[in-house]
Every structure is written in structure tokens, then in C-alpha cells.
mmCIF file of all heavy atoms, coordinates in Angstrom:
data_MODEL
# 
_entry.id   MODEL 
# 
loop_
_atom_site.group_PDB 
_atom_site.id 
_atom_site.type_symbol 
_atom_site.label_atom_id 
_atom_site.label_alt_id 
_atom_site.label_comp_id 
_atom_site.label_asym_id 
_atom_site.label_entity_id 
_atom_site.label_seq_id 
_atom_site.pdbx_PDB_ins_code 
_atom_site.Cartn_x 
_atom_site.Cartn_y 
_atom_site.Cartn_z 
_atom_site.occupancy 
_atom_site.B_iso_or_equiv 
_atom_site.pdbx_formal_charge 
_atom_site.auth_seq_id 
_atom_site.auth_comp_id 
_atom_site.auth_asym_id 
_atom_site.auth_atom_id 
_atom_site.pdbx_PDB_model_num 
ATOM 1   N N   . LYS A 1 1  ? 10.936 4.708  -4.414  1.00 0.00 ? 1  LYS A N   1 
ATOM 2   C CA  . LYS A 1 1  ? 10.031 4.923  -5.540  1.00 0.00 ? 1  LYS A CA  1 
ATOM 3   C C   . LYS A 1 1  ? 9.245  6.230  -5.386  1.00 0.00 ? 1  LYS A C   1 
ATOM 4   O O   . LYS A 1 1  ? 8.021  6.252  -5.455  1.00 0.00 ? 1  LYS A O   1 
ATOM 5   C CB  . LYS A 1 1  ? 9.076  3.742  -5.652  1.00 0.00 ? 1  LYS A CB  1 
ATOM 6   C CG  . LYS A 1 1  ? 9.733  2.428  -6.071  1.00 0.00 ? 1  LYS A CG  1 
ATOM 7   C CD  . LYS A 1 1  ? 8.735  1.286  -5.975  1.00 0.00 ? 1  LYS A CD  1 
ATOM 8   C CE  . LYS A 1 1  ? 9.236  0.031  -6.619  1.00 0.00 ? 1  LYS A CE  1 
ATOM 9   N NZ  . LYS A 1 1  ? 9.139  0.041  -8.088  1.00 0.00 ? 1  LYS A NZ  1 
ATOM 10  N N   . GLY A 1 2  ? 9.953  7.321  -5.126  1.00 0.00 ? 2  GLY A N   1 
ATOM 11  C CA  . GLY A 1 2  ? 9.324  8.635  -5.076  1.00 0.00 ? 2  GLY A CA  1 
ATOM 12  C C   . GLY A 1 2  ? 8.523  8.916  -3.825  1.00 0.00 ? 2  GLY A C   1 
ATOM 13  O O   . GLY A 1 2  ? 7.548  9.677  -3.875  1.00 0.00 ? 2  GLY A O   1 
ATOM 14  N N   . HIS A 1 3  ? 8.896  8.347  -2.684  1.00 0.00 ? 3  HIS A N   1 
ATOM 15  C CA  . HIS A 1 3  ? 8.150  8.548  -1.440  1.00 0.00 ? 3  HIS A CA  1 
ATOM 16  C C   . HIS A 1 3  ? 8.896  9.496  -0.506  1.00 0.00 ? 3  HIS A C   1 
ATOM 17  O O   . HIS A 1 3  ? 10.114 9.639  -0.574  1.00 0.00 ? 3  HIS A O   1 
ATOM 18  C CB  . HIS A 1 3  ? 7.926  7.204  -0.736  1.00 0.00 ? 3  HIS A CB  1 
ATOM 19  C CG  . HIS A 1 3  ? 7.140  6.232  -1.555  1.00 0.00 ? 3  HIS A CG  1 
ATOM 20  N ND1 . HIS A 1 3  ? 5.811  6.419  -1.863  1.00 0.00 ? 3  HIS A ND1 1 
ATOM 21  C CD2 . HIS A 1 3  ? 7.501  5.071  -2.160  1.00 0.00 ? 3  HIS A CD2 1 
ATOM 22  C CE1 . HIS A 1 3  ? 5.383  5.417  -2.604  1.00 0.00 ? 3  HIS A CE1 1 
ATOM 23  N NE2 . HIS A 1 3  ? 6.389  4.585  -2.808  1.00 0.00 ? 3  HIS A NE2 1 
ATOM 24  N N   . ASN A 1 4  ? 8.128  10.140 0.381   1.00 0.00 ? 4  ASN A N   1 
ATOM 25  C CA  . ASN A 1 4  ? 8.722  10.987 1.406   1.00 0.00 ? 4  ASN A CA  1 
ATOM 26  C C   . ASN A 1 4  ? 9.273  10.085 2.512   1.00 0.00 ? 4  ASN A C   1 
ATOM 27  O O   . ASN A 1 4  ? 8.529  9.331  3.137   1.00 0.00 ? 4  ASN A O   1 
ATOM 28  C CB  . ASN A 1 4  ? 7.675  11.946 1.982   1.00 0.00 ? 4  ASN A CB  1 
ATOM 29  C CG  . ASN A 1 4  ? 7.185  12.946 0.957   1.00 0.00 ? 4  ASN A CG  1 
ATOM 30  O OD1 . ASN A 1 4  ? 7.979  13.636 0.325   1.00 0.00 ? 4  ASN A OD1 1 
ATOM 31  N ND2 . ASN A 1 4  ? 5.879  13.017 0.768   1.00 0.00 ? 4  ASN A ND2 1 
ATOM 32  N N   . LEU A 1 5  ? 10.579 10.177 2.721   1.00 0.00 ? 5  LEU A N   1 
ATOM 33  C CA  . LEU A 1 5  ? 11.227 9.301  3.682   1.00 0.00 ? 5  LEU A CA  1 
ATOM 34  C C   . LEU A 1 5  ? 11.980 10.094 4.735   1.00 0.00 ? 5  LEU A C   1 
ATOM 35  O O   . LEU A 1 5  ? 12.527 11.167 4.461   1.00 0.00 ? 5  LEU A O   1 
ATOM 36  C CB  . LEU A 1 5  ? 12.222 8.371  2.974   1.00 0.00 ? 5  LEU A CB  1 
ATOM 37  C CG  . LEU A 1 5  ? 11.677 7.410  1.914   1.00 0.00 ? 5  LEU A CG  1 
ATOM 38  C CD1 . LEU A 1 5  ? 12.825 6.585  1.343   1.00 0.00 ? 5  LEU A CD1 1 
ATOM 39  C CD2 . LEU A 1 5  ? 10.600 6.503  2.498   1.00 0.00 ? 5  LEU A CD2 1 
ATOM 40  N N   . ASP A 1 6  ? 12.007 9.529  5.943   1.00 0.00 ? 6  ASP A N   1 
ATOM 41  C CA  . ASP A 1 6  ? 12.810 10.057 7.033   1.00 0.00 ? 6  ASP A CA  1 
ATOM 42  C C   . ASP A 1 6  ? 13.702 8.899  7.495   1.00 0.00 ? 6  ASP A C   1 
ATOM 43  O O   . ASP A 1 6  ? 13.213 7.933  8.083   1.00 0.00 ? 6  ASP A O   1 
ATOM 44  C CB  . ASP A 1 6  ? 11.919 10.553 8.172   1.00 0.00 ? 6  ASP A CB  1 
ATOM 45  C CG  . ASP A 1 6  ? 12.712 11.303 9.223   1.00 0.00 ? 6  ASP A CG  1 
ATOM 46  O OD1 . ASP A 1 6  ? 13.373 10.642 10.066  1.00 0.00 ? 6  ASP A OD1 1 
ATOM 47  O OD2 . ASP A 1 6  ? 12.678 12.540 9.211   1.00 0.00 ? 6  ASP A OD2 1 
ATOM 48  N N   . LEU A 1 7  ? 14.996 9.001  7.213   1.00 0.00 ? 7  LEU A N   1 
ATOM 49  C CA  . LEU A 1 7  ? 15.914 7.889  7.449   1.00 0.00 ? 7  LEU A CA  1 
ATOM 50  C C   . LEU A 1 7  ? 16.980 8.287  8.462   1.00 0.00 ? 7  LEU A C   1 
ATOM 51  O O   . LEU A 1 7  ? 17.609 9.343  8.328   1.00 0.00 ? 7  LEU A O   1 
ATOM 52  C CB  . LEU A 1 7  ? 16.598 7.485  6.141   1.00 0.00 ? 7  LEU A CB  1 
ATOM 53  C CG  . LEU A 1 7  ? 15.691 7.171  4.950   1.00 0.00 ? 7  LEU A CG  1 
ATOM 54  C CD1 . LEU A 1 7  ? 16.514 7.027  3.674   1.00 0.00 ? 7  LEU A CD1 1 
ATOM 55  C CD2 . LEU A 1 7  ? 14.891 5.901  5.217   1.00 0.00 ? 7  LEU A CD2 1 
ATOM 56  N N   . THR A 1 8  ? 17.179 7.437  9.464   1.00 0.00 ? 8  THR A N   1 
ATOM 57  C CA  . THR A 1 8  ? 18.214 7.675  10.467  1.00 0.00 ? 8  THR A CA  1 
ATOM 58  C C   . THR A 1 8  ? 19.112 6.449  10.573  1.00 0.00 ? 8  THR A C   1 
ATOM 59  O O   . THR A 1 8  ? 18.620 5.327  10.733  1.00 0.00 ? 8  THR A O   1 
ATOM 60  C CB  . THR A 1 8  ? 17.605 7.967  11.847  1.00 0.00 ? 8  THR A CB  1 
ATOM 61  O OG1 . THR A 1 8  ? 16.780 9.136  11.767  1.00 0.00 ? 8  THR A OG1 1 
ATOM 62  C CG2 . THR A 1 8  ? 18.691 8.215  12.884  1.00 0.00 ? 8  THR A CG2 1 
ATOM 63  N N   . PHE A 1 9  ? 20.420 6.668  10.485  1.00 0.00 ? 9  PHE A N   1 
ATOM 64  C CA  . PHE A 1 9  ? 21.395 5.592  10.599  1.00 0.00 ? 9  PHE A CA  1 
ATOM 65  C C   . PHE A 1 9  ? 22.293 5.858  11.799  1.00 0.00 ? 9  PHE A C   1 
ATOM 66  O O   . PHE A 1 9  ? 22.949 6.907  11.861  1.00 0.00 ? 9  PHE A O   1 
ATOM 67  C CB  . PHE A 1 9  ? 22.235 5.498  9.321   1.00 0.00 ? 9  PHE A CB  1 
ATOM 68  C CG  . PHE A 1 9  ? 21.423 5.239  8.082   1.00 0.00 ? 9  PHE A CG  1 
ATOM 69  C CD1 . PHE A 1 9  ? 20.948 6.292  7.315   1.00 0.00 ? 9  PHE A CD1 1 
ATOM 70  C CD2 . PHE A 1 9  ? 21.115 3.946  7.696   1.00 0.00 ? 9  PHE A CD2 1 
ATOM 71  C CE1 . PHE A 1 9  ? 20.191 6.070  6.181   1.00 0.00 ? 9  PHE A CE1 1 
ATOM 72  C CE2 . PHE A 1 9  ? 20.355 3.701  6.553   1.00 0.00 ? 9  PHE A CE2 1 
ATOM 73  C CZ  . PHE A 1 9  ? 19.891 4.769  5.793   1.00 0.00 ? 9  PHE A CZ  1 
ATOM 74  N N   . SER A 1 10 ? 22.311 4.929  12.757  1.00 0.00 ? 10 SER A N   1 
ATOM 75  C CA  . SER A 1 10 ? 23.118 5.077  13.965  1.00 0.00 ? 10 SER A CA  1 
ATOM 76  C C   . SER A 1 10 ? 24.288 4.106  13.899  1.00 0.00 ? 10 SER A C   1 
ATOM 77  O O   . SER A 1 10 ? 24.095 2.885  13.831  1.00 0.00 ? 10 SER A O   1 
ATOM 78  C CB  . SER A 1 10 ? 22.266 4.799  15.211  1.00 0.00 ? 10 SER A CB  1 
ATOM 79  O OG  . SER A 1 10 ? 21.194 5.721  15.294  1.00 0.00 ? 10 SER A OG  1 
ATOM 80  N N   . LEU A 1 11 ? 25.503 4.655  13.934  1.00 0.00 ? 11 LEU A N   1 
ATOM 81  C CA  . LEU A 1 11 ? 26.710 3.851  13.797  1.00 0.00 ? 11 LEU A CA  1 
ATOM 82  C C   . LEU A 1 11 ? 27.393 3.687  15.151  1.00 0.00 ? 11 LEU A C   1 
ATOM 83  O O   . LEU A 1 11 ? 27.610 4.680  15.865  1.00 0.00 ? 11 LEU A O   1 
ATOM 84  C CB  . LEU A 1 11 ? 27.692 4.508  12.820  1.00 0.00 ? 11 LEU A CB  1 
ATOM 85  C CG  . LEU A 1 11 ? 27.448 4.320  11.326  1.00 0.00 ? 11 LEU A CG  1 
ATOM 86  C CD1 . LEU A 1 11 ? 26.066 4.794  10.900  1.00 0.00 ? 11 LEU A CD1 1 
ATOM 87  C CD2 . LEU A 1 11 ? 28.517 5.021  10.518  1.00 0.00 ? 11 LEU A CD2 1 
ATOM 88  N N   . SER A 1 12 ? 27.731 2.443  15.492  1.00 0.00 ? 12 SER A N   1 
ATOM 89  C CA  . SER A 1 12 ? 28.411 2.177  16.755  1.00 0.00 ? 12 SER A CA  1 
ATOM 90  C C   . SER A 1 12 ? 29.376 1.007  16.580  1.00 0.00 ? 12 SER A C   1 
ATOM 91  O O   . SER A 1 12 ? 29.449 0.391  15.512  1.00 0.00 ? 12 SER A O   1 
ATOM 92  C CB  . SER A 1 12 ? 27.393 1.889  17.864  1.00 0.00 ? 12 SER A CB  1 
ATOM 93  O OG  . SER A 1 12 ? 26.623 0.749  17.550  1.00 0.00 ? 12 SER A OG  1 
ATOM 94  N N   . GLU A 1 13 ? 30.110 0.708  17.644  1.00 0.00 ? 13 GLU A N   1 
ATOM 95  C CA  . GLU A 1 13 ? 31.073 -0.390 17.665  1.00 0.00 ? 13 GLU A CA  1 
ATOM 96  C C   . GLU A 1 13 ? 32.057 -0.282 16.494  1.00 0.00 ? 13 GLU A C   1 
ATOM 97  O O   . GLU A 1 13 ? 32.783 0.689  16.398  1.00 0.00 ? 13 GLU A O   1 
ATOM 98  C CB  . GLU A 1 13 ? 30.341 -1.731 17.701  1.00 0.00 ? 13 GLU A CB  1 
ATOM 99  C CG  . GLU A 1 13 ? 29.484 -1.894 18.956  1.00 0.00 ? 13 GLU A CG  1 
ATOM 100 C CD  . GLU A 1 13 ? 28.813 -3.243 19.048  1.00 0.00 ? 13 GLU A CD  1 
ATOM 101 O OE1 . GLU A 1 13 ? 29.249 -4.194 18.361  1.00 0.00 ? 13 GLU A OE1 1 
ATOM 102 O OE2 . GLU A 1 13 ? 27.846 -3.356 19.827  1.00 0.00 ? 13 GLU A OE2 1 
ATOM 103 N N   . LYS A 1 14 ? 32.039 -1.233 15.548  1.00 0.00 ? 14 LYS A N   1 
ATOM 104 C CA  . LYS A 1 14 ? 32.997 -1.233 14.441  1.00 0.00 ? 14 LYS A CA  1 
ATOM 105 C C   . LYS A 1 14 ? 32.323 -0.872 13.112  1.00 0.00 ? 14 LYS A C   1 
ATOM 106 O O   . LYS A 1 14 ? 32.712 -1.371 12.053  1.00 0.00 ? 14 LYS A O   1 
ATOM 107 C CB  . LYS A 1 14 ? 33.669 -2.601 14.321  1.00 0.00 ? 14 LYS A CB  1 
ATOM 108 C CG  . LYS A 1 14 ? 34.454 -3.007 15.546  1.00 0.00 ? 14 LYS A CG  1 
ATOM 109 C CD  . LYS A 1 14 ? 35.069 -4.390 15.362  1.00 0.00 ? 14 LYS A CD  1 
ATOM 110 C CE  . LYS A 1 14 ? 35.845 -4.821 16.602  1.00 0.00 ? 14 LYS A CE  1 
ATOM 111 N NZ  . LYS A 1 14 ? 36.425 -6.185 16.437  1.00 0.00 ? 14 LYS A NZ  1 
ATOM 112 N N   . ALA A 1 15 ? 31.352 -0.001 13.158  1.00 0.00 ? 15 ALA A N   1 
ATOM 113 C CA  . ALA A 1 15 ? 30.568 0.325  11.959  1.00 0.00 ? 15 ALA A CA  1 
ATOM 114 C C   . ALA A 1 15 ? 31.430 0.951  10.860  1.00 0.00 ? 15 ALA A C   1 
ATOM 115 O O   . ALA A 1 15 ? 32.166 1.910  11.090  1.00 0.00 ? 15 ALA A O   1 
ATOM 116 C CB  . ALA A 1 15 ? 29.431 1.263  12.326  1.00 0.00 ? 15 ALA A CB  1 
ATOM 117 N N   . ASP A 1 16 ? 31.324 0.374  9.681   1.00 0.00 ? 16 ASP A N   1 
ATOM 118 C CA  . ASP A 1 16 ? 31.941 0.889  8.458   1.00 0.00 ? 16 ASP A CA  1 
ATOM 119 C C   . ASP A 1 16 ? 30.834 0.830  7.409   1.00 0.00 ? 16 ASP A C   1 
ATOM 120 O O   . ASP A 1 16 ? 30.614 -0.192 6.770   1.00 0.00 ? 16 ASP A O   1 
ATOM 121 C CB  . ASP A 1 16 ? 33.137 0.015  8.072   1.00 0.00 ? 16 ASP A CB  1 
ATOM 122 C CG  . ASP A 1 16 ? 33.854 0.523  6.829   1.00 0.00 ? 16 ASP A CG  1 
ATOM 123 O OD1 . ASP A 1 16 ? 33.299 1.417  6.150   1.00 0.00 ? 16 ASP A OD1 1 
ATOM 124 O OD2 . ASP A 1 16 ? 34.941 0.021  6.513   1.00 0.00 ? 16 ASP A OD2 1 
ATOM 125 N N   . PHE A 1 17 ? 30.135 1.945  7.228   1.00 0.00 ? 17 PHE A N   1 
ATOM 126 C CA  . PHE A 1 17 ? 28.857 1.959  6.522   1.00 0.00 ? 17 PHE A CA  1 
ATOM 127 C C   . PHE A 1 17 ? 28.965 2.652  5.175   1.00 0.00 ? 17 PHE A C   1 
ATOM 128 O O   . PHE A 1 17 ? 29.440 3.782  5.068   1.00 0.00 ? 17 PHE A O   1 
ATOM 129 C CB  . PHE A 1 17 ? 27.823 2.676  7.387   1.00 0.00 ? 17 PHE A CB  1 
ATOM 130 C CG  . PHE A 1 17 ? 26.475 2.833  6.758   1.00 0.00 ? 17 PHE A CG  1 
ATOM 131 C CD1 . PHE A 1 17 ? 25.804 1.745  6.236   1.00 0.00 ? 17 PHE A CD1 1 
ATOM 132 C CD2 . PHE A 1 17 ? 25.853 4.076  6.701   1.00 0.00 ? 17 PHE A CD2 1 
ATOM 133 C CE1 . PHE A 1 17 ? 24.551 1.875  5.648   1.00 0.00 ? 17 PHE A CE1 1 
ATOM 134 C CE2 . PHE A 1 17 ? 24.601 4.230  6.129   1.00 0.00 ? 17 PHE A CE2 1 
ATOM 135 C CZ  . PHE A 1 17 ? 23.953 3.125  5.598   1.00 0.00 ? 17 PHE A CZ  1 
ATOM 136 N N   . THR A 1 18 ? 28.509 1.955  4.136   1.00 0.00 ? 18 THR A N   1 
ATOM 137 C CA  . THR A 1 18 ? 28.427 2.538  2.796   1.00 0.00 ? 18 THR A CA  1 
ATOM 138 C C   . THR A 1 18 ? 26.976 2.480  2.326   1.00 0.00 ? 18 THR A C   1 
ATOM 139 O O   . THR A 1 18 ? 26.373 1.410  2.315   1.00 0.00 ? 18 THR A O   1 
ATOM 140 C CB  . THR A 1 18 ? 29.318 1.776  1.803   1.00 0.00 ? 18 THR A CB  1 
ATOM 141 O OG1 . THR A 1 18 ? 30.678 1.819  2.260   1.00 0.00 ? 18 THR A OG1 1 
ATOM 142 C CG2 . THR A 1 18 ? 29.234 2.406  0.418   1.00 0.00 ? 18 THR A CG2 1 
ATOM 143 N N   . LEU A 1 19 ? 26.424 3.631  1.959   1.00 0.00 ? 19 LEU A N   1 
ATOM 144 C CA  . LEU A 1 19 ? 25.044 3.712  1.487   1.00 0.00 ? 19 LEU A CA  1 
ATOM 145 C C   . LEU A 1 19 ? 25.015 4.161  0.036   1.00 0.00 ? 19 LEU A C   1 
ATOM 146 O O   . LEU A 1 19 ? 25.599 5.184  -0.324  1.00 0.00 ? 19 LEU A O   1 
ATOM 147 C CB  . LEU A 1 19 ? 24.240 4.701  2.333   1.00 0.00 ? 19 LEU A CB  1 
ATOM 148 C CG  . LEU A 1 19 ? 22.841 5.048  1.807   1.00 0.00 ? 19 LEU A CG  1 
ATOM 149 C CD1 . LEU A 1 19 ? 21.928 3.814  1.810   1.00 0.00 ? 19 LEU A CD1 1 
ATOM 150 C CD2 . LEU A 1 19 ? 22.205 6.171  2.633   1.00 0.00 ? 19 LEU A CD2 1 
ATOM 151 N N   . SER A 1 20 ? 24.318 3.383  -0.798  1.00 0.00 ? 20 SER A N   1 
ATOM 152 C CA  . SER A 1 20 ? 24.041 3.773  -2.181  1.00 0.00 ? 20 SER A CA  1 
ATOM 153 C C   . SER A 1 20 ? 22.531 3.953  -2.298  1.00 0.00 ? 20 SER A C   1 
ATOM 154 O O   . SER A 1 20 ? 21.780 2.983  -2.391  1.00 0.00 ? 20 SER A O   1 
ATOM 155 C CB  . SER A 1 20 ? 24.543 2.689  -3.149  1.00 0.00 ? 20 SER A CB  1 
ATOM 156 O OG  . SER A 1 20 ? 24.253 3.052  -4.479  1.00 0.00 ? 20 SER A OG  1 
ATOM 157 N N   . PHE A 1 21 ? 22.096 5.210  -2.277  1.00 0.00 ? 21 PHE A N   1 
ATOM 158 C CA  . PHE A 1 21 ? 20.673 5.545  -2.274  1.00 0.00 ? 21 PHE A CA  1 
ATOM 159 C C   . PHE A 1 21 ? 20.272 6.039  -3.656  1.00 0.00 ? 21 PHE A C   1 
ATOM 160 O O   . PHE A 1 21 ? 20.938 6.892  -4.242  1.00 0.00 ? 21 PHE A O   1 
ATOM 161 C CB  . PHE A 1 21 ? 20.401 6.623  -1.223  1.00 0.00 ? 21 PHE A CB  1 
ATOM 162 C CG  . PHE A 1 21 ? 18.970 7.075  -1.161  1.00 0.00 ? 21 PHE A CG  1 
ATOM 163 C CD1 . PHE A 1 21 ? 18.040 6.387  -0.401  1.00 0.00 ? 21 PHE A CD1 1 
ATOM 164 C CD2 . PHE A 1 21 ? 18.550 8.193  -1.872  1.00 0.00 ? 21 PHE A CD2 1 
ATOM 165 C CE1 . PHE A 1 21 ? 16.717 6.794  -0.334  1.00 0.00 ? 21 PHE A CE1 1 
ATOM 166 C CE2 . PHE A 1 21 ? 17.231 8.614  -1.825  1.00 0.00 ? 21 PHE A CE2 1 
ATOM 167 C CZ  . PHE A 1 21 ? 16.309 7.915  -1.049  1.00 0.00 ? 21 PHE A CZ  1 
ATOM 168 N N   . ALA A 1 22 ? 19.157 5.503  -4.175  1.00 0.00 ? 22 ALA A N   1 
ATOM 169 C CA  . ALA A 1 22 ? 18.661 5.911  -5.495  1.00 0.00 ? 22 ALA A CA  1 
ATOM 170 C C   . ALA A 1 22 ? 17.184 6.260  -5.386  1.00 0.00 ? 22 ALA A C   1 
ATOM 171 O O   . ALA A 1 22 ? 16.436 5.610  -4.653  1.00 0.00 ? 22 ALA A O   1 
ATOM 172 C CB  . ALA A 1 22 ? 18.864 4.794  -6.508  1.00 0.00 ? 22 ALA A CB  1 
ATOM 173 N N   . CYS A 1 23 ? 16.763 7.286  -6.126  1.00 0.00 ? 23 CYS A N   1 
ATOM 174 C CA  . CYS A 1 23 ? 15.364 7.725  -6.064  1.00 0.00 ? 23 CYS A CA  1 
ATOM 175 C C   . CYS A 1 23 ? 14.911 8.207  -7.441  1.00 0.00 ? 23 CYS A C   1 
ATOM 176 O O   . CYS A 1 23 ? 15.635 8.935  -8.129  1.00 0.00 ? 23 CYS A O   1 
ATOM 177 C CB  . CYS A 1 23 ? 15.219 8.849  -5.040  1.00 0.00 ? 23 CYS A CB  1 
ATOM 178 S SG  . CYS A 1 23 ? 13.552 9.522  -4.896  1.00 0.00 ? 23 CYS A SG  1 
ATOM 179 N N   . ILE A 1 24 ? 13.697 7.798  -7.835  1.00 0.00 ? 24 ILE A N   1 
ATOM 180 C CA  . ILE A 1 24 ? 13.048 8.312  -9.042  1.00 0.00 ? 24 ILE A CA  1 
ATOM 181 C C   . ILE A 1 24 ? 11.728 8.940  -8.610  1.00 0.00 ? 24 ILE A C   1 
ATOM 182 O O   . ILE A 1 24 ? 10.906 8.279  -7.967  1.00 0.00 ? 24 ILE A O   1 
ATOM 183 C CB  . ILE A 1 24 ? 12.784 7.197  -10.071 1.00 0.00 ? 24 ILE A CB  1 
ATOM 184 C CG1 . ILE A 1 24 ? 14.096 6.546  -10.512 1.00 0.00 ? 24 ILE A CG1 1 
ATOM 185 C CG2 . ILE A 1 24 ? 12.046 7.754  -11.285 1.00 0.00 ? 24 ILE A CG2 1 
ATOM 186 C CD1 . ILE A 1 24 ? 13.907 5.372  -11.465 1.00 0.00 ? 24 ILE A CD1 1 
ATOM 187 N N   . SER A 1 25 ? 11.516 10.205 -8.946  1.00 0.00 ? 25 SER A N   1 
ATOM 188 C CA  . SER A 1 25 ? 10.299 10.892 -8.499  1.00 0.00 ? 25 SER A CA  1 
ATOM 189 C C   . SER A 1 25 ? 9.703  11.738 -9.618  1.00 0.00 ? 25 SER A C   1 
ATOM 190 O O   . SER A 1 25 ? 10.422 12.424 -10.345 1.00 0.00 ? 25 SER A O   1 
ATOM 191 C CB  . SER A 1 25 ? 10.618 11.785 -7.296  1.00 0.00 ? 25 SER A CB  1 
ATOM 192 O OG  . SER A 1 25 ? 9.469  12.485 -6.875  1.00 0.00 ? 25 SER A OG  1 
ATOM 193 N N   . ASP A 1 26 ? 8.354  11.699 -9.722  1.00 0.00 ? 26 ASP A N   1 
ATOM 194 C CA  . ASP A 1 26 ? 7.653  12.537 -10.696 1.00 0.00 ? 26 ASP A CA  1 
ATOM 195 C C   . ASP A 1 26 ? 6.709  13.520 -10.008 1.00 0.00 ? 26 ASP A C   1 
ATOM 196 O O   . ASP A 1 26 ? 5.772  14.027 -10.618 1.00 0.00 ? 26 ASP A O   1 
ATOM 197 C CB  . ASP A 1 26 ? 6.885  11.666 -11.696 1.00 0.00 ? 26 ASP A CB  1 
ATOM 198 C CG  . ASP A 1 26 ? 5.797  10.836 -11.030 1.00 0.00 ? 26 ASP A CG  1 
ATOM 199 O OD1 . ASP A 1 26 ? 5.677  10.883 -9.783  1.00 0.00 ? 26 ASP A OD1 1 
ATOM 200 O OD2 . ASP A 1 26 ? 5.064  10.126 -11.752 1.00 0.00 ? 26 ASP A OD2 1 
# 
């Protein structure tokens, strides 16, 4: 919701990762 974010994703083992990221900012 329009915030400053710091995101870290660490993948290991059998990771199969799909990210759907949405943002609305004014």
C-alpha cells in the first residue's frame, strides 16, 4: 500500500518460487 519496502527472498533445497507483487502509490 505505497510503503518503502526492503524484501529479501532466499531460495534453497527444492525452491520453485513465483512472486506476484502489486503496489499502488501516490
